[in-house]
């Protein structure tokens, strides 16, 4: 399907629009400036812990994660530091292209969040992104987290109820193969993979999984916006 045929874009937020890796690493270096720990070692440990059977709602779960990682990685630990890790989400930056690309995309589509973050965190993320969304959905709303298929059904019900759009009108935009791309393809939802870690070794803070081929594949959100504008103009990139 041509990009201009879609009516609603659903978005993963953390990792796709918000640079959670940079945000976490900035907090790490602030509270543990002398830690002899590479960025990749921290992200690998974080990734493993986030797949723990004890995982809870995100980003509240970051408090548990810090307490679990601190003794293993030789980091300072206290309730205040762990809570600070959780609260650092309010300072996590957008990717450099996110704000402008979202403004460009909003000219052509309704924009909907489908984040695994709780509503309190989504409020911060939306502000960081300059409030581009027509509908903001969090895990609190869906009562589940991706890759649970129920989240996608919930989101579809919300945008269909709001605007009458069907699944065929939806393009799901995300960077996580584990949380988003694989399951959306299984459900027959058109997918756009924003490969934020293109050219970087490893999977960083994102849980690893088998790679699913998406319908569209870009390295940045700006590239998606470029492709949409070209499609609208009847051009090909």
Protein backbone atom coordinates (compact mmCIF):
# COMPACT_ATOMS: atom_id res chain seq x y z
CA UNK A 1 0.00 0.00 0.00
CA UNK A 2 1.19 3.52 -0.74
CA UNK A 3 2.07 5.58 2.32
CA UNK A 4 -0.53 8.20 1.49
CA UNK A 5 -3.30 5.59 1.83
CA UNK A 6 -2.97 5.42 5.63
CA UNK A 7 -5.02 7.64 7.91
CA UNK A 8 -3.65 6.99 11.40
CA UNK A 9 -0.13 6.36 12.64
CA UNK A 10 0.26 4.54 15.95
CA UNK A 11 3.60 5.06 17.66
CA UNK A 12 5.83 3.30 20.06
CA UNK A 13 7.29 6.18 22.08
CA UNK A 14 10.26 5.05 24.19
CA UNK A 15 13.07 4.14 21.83
CA UNK A 16 11.29 5.38 18.73
CA UNK A 17 10.61 9.02 19.61
CA UNK A 18 12.32 9.36 22.99
CA UNK A 19 16.00 8.44 23.34
CA UNK A 20 15.72 6.37 26.52
CA UNK A 21 19.26 5.00 26.21
CA UNK A 22 20.82 8.46 26.29
CA UNK A 23 18.51 9.45 29.11
CA UNK A 24 19.42 6.47 31.28
CA UNK A 25 23.13 6.80 30.57
CA UNK A 26 23.07 10.49 31.48
CA UNK A 27 21.55 9.58 34.84
CA UNK A 28 24.08 6.78 35.36
CA UNK A 29 27.03 9.12 34.75
CA UNK A 30 25.53 11.77 37.01
CA UNK A 31 25.09 9.53 40.06
CA UNK A 32 28.08 7.24 39.42
CA UNK A 33 30.70 9.39 37.62
CA UNK A 34 33.55 7.09 38.64
CA UNK A 35 31.89 3.85 37.58
CA UNK A 36 34.19 1.70 35.43
CA UNK A 37 31.41 0.54 33.20
CA UNK A 38 30.92 1.01 29.48
CA UNK A 39 27.65 2.28 28.08
CA UNK A 40 27.08 -1.02 26.30
CA UNK A 41 27.73 -3.06 29.44
CA UNK A 42 25.14 -1.03 31.33
CA UNK A 43 22.58 -1.29 28.55
CA UNK A 44 23.12 -5.04 28.21
CA UNK A 45 22.60 -5.52 31.95
CA UNK A 46 19.53 -3.29 31.85
CA UNK A 47 18.11 -5.20 28.88
CA UNK A 48 18.52 -8.51 30.66
CA UNK A 49 16.93 -7.25 33.87
CA UNK A 50 13.96 -5.78 32.04
CA UNK A 51 13.12 -9.29 30.84
CA UNK A 52 12.99 -10.54 34.43
CA UNK A 53 9.86 -12.42 35.55
CA UNK A 54 9.58 -9.82 38.33
CA UNK A 55 9.06 -6.95 35.89
CA UNK A 56 6.29 -4.49 36.77
CA UNK A 57 4.68 -1.47 35.13
CA UNK A 58 7.12 0.77 33.29
CA UNK A 59 8.77 3.08 34.18
CA UNK A 60 7.97 2.42 37.84
CA UNK A 61 9.93 -0.78 37.29
CA UNK A 62 13.12 1.25 36.93
CA UNK A 63 13.38 1.45 40.72
CA UNK A 64 13.51 -2.35 40.93
CA UNK A 65 15.93 -2.47 38.01
CA UNK A 66 18.38 -0.09 39.67
CA UNK A 67 18.34 -2.03 42.95
CA UNK A 68 18.97 -5.25 40.99
CA UNK A 69 21.80 -3.83 38.88
CA UNK A 70 23.64 -1.77 41.49
CA UNK A 71 25.33 -4.61 43.41
CA UNK A 72 26.16 -6.48 40.19
CA UNK A 73 27.66 -3.48 38.42
CA UNK A 74 29.25 -1.83 41.47
CA UNK A 75 26.96 1.19 41.44
CA UNK A 76 25.83 3.27 44.44
CA UNK A 77 22.45 2.18 45.71
CA UNK A 78 19.75 3.74 47.85
CA UNK A 79 16.01 4.22 47.63
CA UNK A 80 16.59 7.84 46.60
CA UNK A 81 18.98 6.90 43.79
CA UNK A 82 16.65 4.18 42.50
CA UNK A 83 13.69 6.55 42.57
CA UNK A 84 15.83 9.13 40.79
CA UNK A 85 16.45 6.61 38.02
CA UNK A 86 12.69 6.22 37.62
CA UNK A 87 12.08 9.96 37.75
CA UNK A 88 14.81 10.67 35.21
CA UNK A 89 12.25 9.92 32.49
CA UNK A 90 11.13 13.54 32.81
CA UNK A 91 14.56 14.55 31.44
CA UNK A 92 14.98 11.94 28.71
CA UNK A 93 15.52 13.69 25.38
CA UNK A 94 13.68 13.29 22.12
CA UNK A 95 15.73 12.02 19.20
CA UNK A 96 16.99 15.04 17.23
CA UNK A 97 14.49 14.53 14.41
CA UNK A 98 11.41 13.53 16.42
CA UNK A 99 9.71 16.87 17.07
CA UNK A 100 9.97 18.25 13.55
CA UNK A 101 9.15 14.92 11.88
CA UNK A 102 6.02 14.52 14.01
CA UNK A 103 4.86 17.98 13.00
CA UNK A 104 5.33 17.05 9.36
CA UNK A 105 3.51 13.73 9.76
CA UNK A 106 0.59 15.35 11.59
CA UNK A 107 -0.24 17.28 8.42
CA UNK A 108 -1.26 13.98 6.81
CA UNK A 109 -2.31 11.60 9.61
CA UNK A 110 -3.90 11.30 13.02
CA UNK A 111 -1.11 10.49 15.50
CA UNK A 112 -1.72 8.02 18.35
CA UNK A 113 0.67 6.80 21.04
CA UNK A 114 0.85 3.12 21.94
CA UNK A 115 3.43 3.26 24.67
CA UNK A 116 4.29 0.68 27.30
CA UNK A 117 4.96 3.60 29.63
CA UNK A 118 2.49 4.63 32.31
CA UNK A 119 0.36 7.73 31.86
CA UNK A 120 2.43 9.85 34.25
CA UNK A 121 5.53 9.23 32.13
CA UNK A 122 3.68 9.71 28.84
CA UNK A 123 2.71 13.17 30.07
CA UNK A 124 6.41 14.08 30.27
CA UNK A 125 7.22 12.46 26.91
CA UNK A 126 4.37 14.29 25.16
CA UNK A 127 5.66 17.57 26.53
CA UNK A 128 9.19 16.82 25.38
CA UNK A 129 7.79 16.11 21.91
CA UNK A 130 5.79 19.38 21.86
CA UNK A 131 2.38 17.69 22.23
CA UNK A 132 1.91 16.34 18.68
CA UNK A 133 -0.59 13.56 19.41
CA UNK A 134 -4.29 13.42 18.63
CA UNK A 135 -4.80 10.52 21.04
CA UNK A 136 -2.49 9.46 23.87
CA UNK A 137 -2.72 5.80 24.94
CA UNK A 138 -0.59 4.31 27.71
CA UNK A 139 -0.29 0.89 29.30
CA UNK A 140 -2.60 2.19 32.05
CA UNK A 141 -5.32 2.56 29.42
CA UNK A 142 -4.75 -0.78 27.69
CA UNK A 143 -4.13 -2.66 30.99
CA UNK A 144 -1.37 -4.58 29.23
CA UNK A 145 1.95 -4.03 27.52
CA UNK A 146 3.16 -4.84 24.03
CA UNK A 147 3.77 -7.41 22.60
CA UNK A 148 0.39 -8.38 24.04
CA UNK A 149 -2.05 -8.48 21.11
CA UNK A 150 -4.76 -7.01 23.34
CA UNK A 151 -2.99 -3.64 23.26
CA UNK A 152 -3.33 -3.48 19.48
CA UNK A 153 -7.00 -4.44 19.69
CA UNK A 154 -7.57 -1.78 22.33
CA UNK A 155 -5.86 0.91 20.25
CA UNK A 156 -7.86 -0.08 17.17
CA UNK A 157 -11.07 0.22 19.14
CA UNK A 158 -10.10 3.69 20.35
CA UNK A 159 -9.17 5.16 16.96
CA UNK A 160 -12.09 3.46 15.23
CA UNK A 161 -14.43 4.91 17.84
CA UNK A 162 -12.89 8.36 17.55
CA UNK A 163 -12.58 8.67 13.76
CA UNK A 164 -14.04 5.55 12.14
CA UNK A 165 -10.69 4.30 10.86
CA UNK A 166 -10.17 0.57 10.41
CA UNK A 167 -7.07 -1.61 10.79
CA UNK A 168 -6.30 -1.19 7.09
CA UNK A 169 -6.01 2.56 7.69
CA UNK A 170 -3.35 2.10 10.37
CA UNK A 171 0.45 2.10 10.05
CA UNK A 172 2.27 1.13 13.25
CA UNK A 173 5.61 2.93 13.67
CA UNK A 174 8.20 1.54 16.10
CA UNK A 175 11.84 0.65 16.69
CA UNK A 176 11.45 -2.51 18.79
CA UNK A 177 11.33 -5.77 16.91
CA UNK A 178 10.42 -7.53 20.18
CA UNK A 179 7.62 -5.28 21.40
CA UNK A 180 6.14 -4.03 18.13
CA UNK A 181 7.27 -5.18 14.72
CA UNK A 182 6.90 -8.93 15.13
CA UNK A 183 3.48 -8.88 16.79
CA UNK A 184 2.01 -6.20 14.53
CA UNK A 185 2.99 -8.21 11.46
CA UNK A 186 1.45 -11.33 12.99
CA UNK A 187 -1.78 -9.40 13.49
CA UNK A 188 -1.83 -8.19 9.89
CA UNK A 189 -1.11 -4.57 10.79
CA UNK A 190 1.09 -2.58 8.43
CA UNK A 191 4.40 -1.82 10.11
CA UNK A 192 7.16 0.74 9.80
CA UNK A 193 10.45 -0.07 11.50
CA UNK A 194 12.48 2.95 12.60
CA UNK A 195 15.86 1.33 13.11
CA UNK A 196 17.29 3.82 15.58
CA UNK A 197 20.35 1.67 16.29
CA UNK A 198 21.34 1.35 12.66
CA UNK A 199 25.12 1.18 12.44
CA UNK A 200 25.53 0.49 16.16
CA UNK A 201 26.67 -2.81 17.62
CA UNK A 202 24.21 -4.86 19.64
CA UNK A 203 20.64 -4.04 20.61
CA UNK A 204 21.37 -1.55 23.38
CA UNK A 205 18.56 -1.35 25.90
CA UNK A 206 15.95 -3.03 23.69
CA UNK A 207 15.05 -6.67 24.37
CA UNK A 208 16.39 -8.88 21.59
CA UNK A 209 14.21 -11.03 19.35
CA UNK A 210 14.05 -12.60 15.92
CA UNK A 211 13.96 -10.01 13.15
CA UNK A 212 10.70 -9.58 11.27
CA UNK A 213 10.70 -7.85 7.89
CA UNK A 214 8.48 -4.75 8.14
CA UNK A 215 6.40 -3.18 5.40
CA UNK A 216 8.54 -0.04 5.58
CA UNK A 217 12.04 0.40 6.98
CA UNK A 218 13.79 3.68 7.78
CA UNK A 219 16.67 4.66 10.03
CA UNK A 220 15.08 7.88 11.29
CA UNK A 221 11.62 9.34 11.65
CA UNK A 222 12.65 12.17 9.34
CA UNK A 223 13.15 9.58 6.58
CA UNK A 224 9.57 8.41 7.07
CA UNK A 225 8.34 12.00 6.86
CA UNK A 226 10.35 12.47 3.68
CA UNK A 227 8.81 9.35 2.16
CA UNK A 228 5.29 10.44 3.11
CA UNK A 229 5.77 13.87 1.56
CA UNK A 230 7.19 12.30 -1.58
CA UNK A 231 4.19 9.95 -1.79
CA UNK A 232 1.80 12.85 -1.33
CA UNK A 233 3.56 14.67 -4.18
CA UNK A 234 3.42 11.58 -6.39
CA UNK A 235 7.18 11.13 -6.29
CA UNK A 236 9.37 8.17 -5.39
CA UNK A 237 12.45 8.33 -3.20
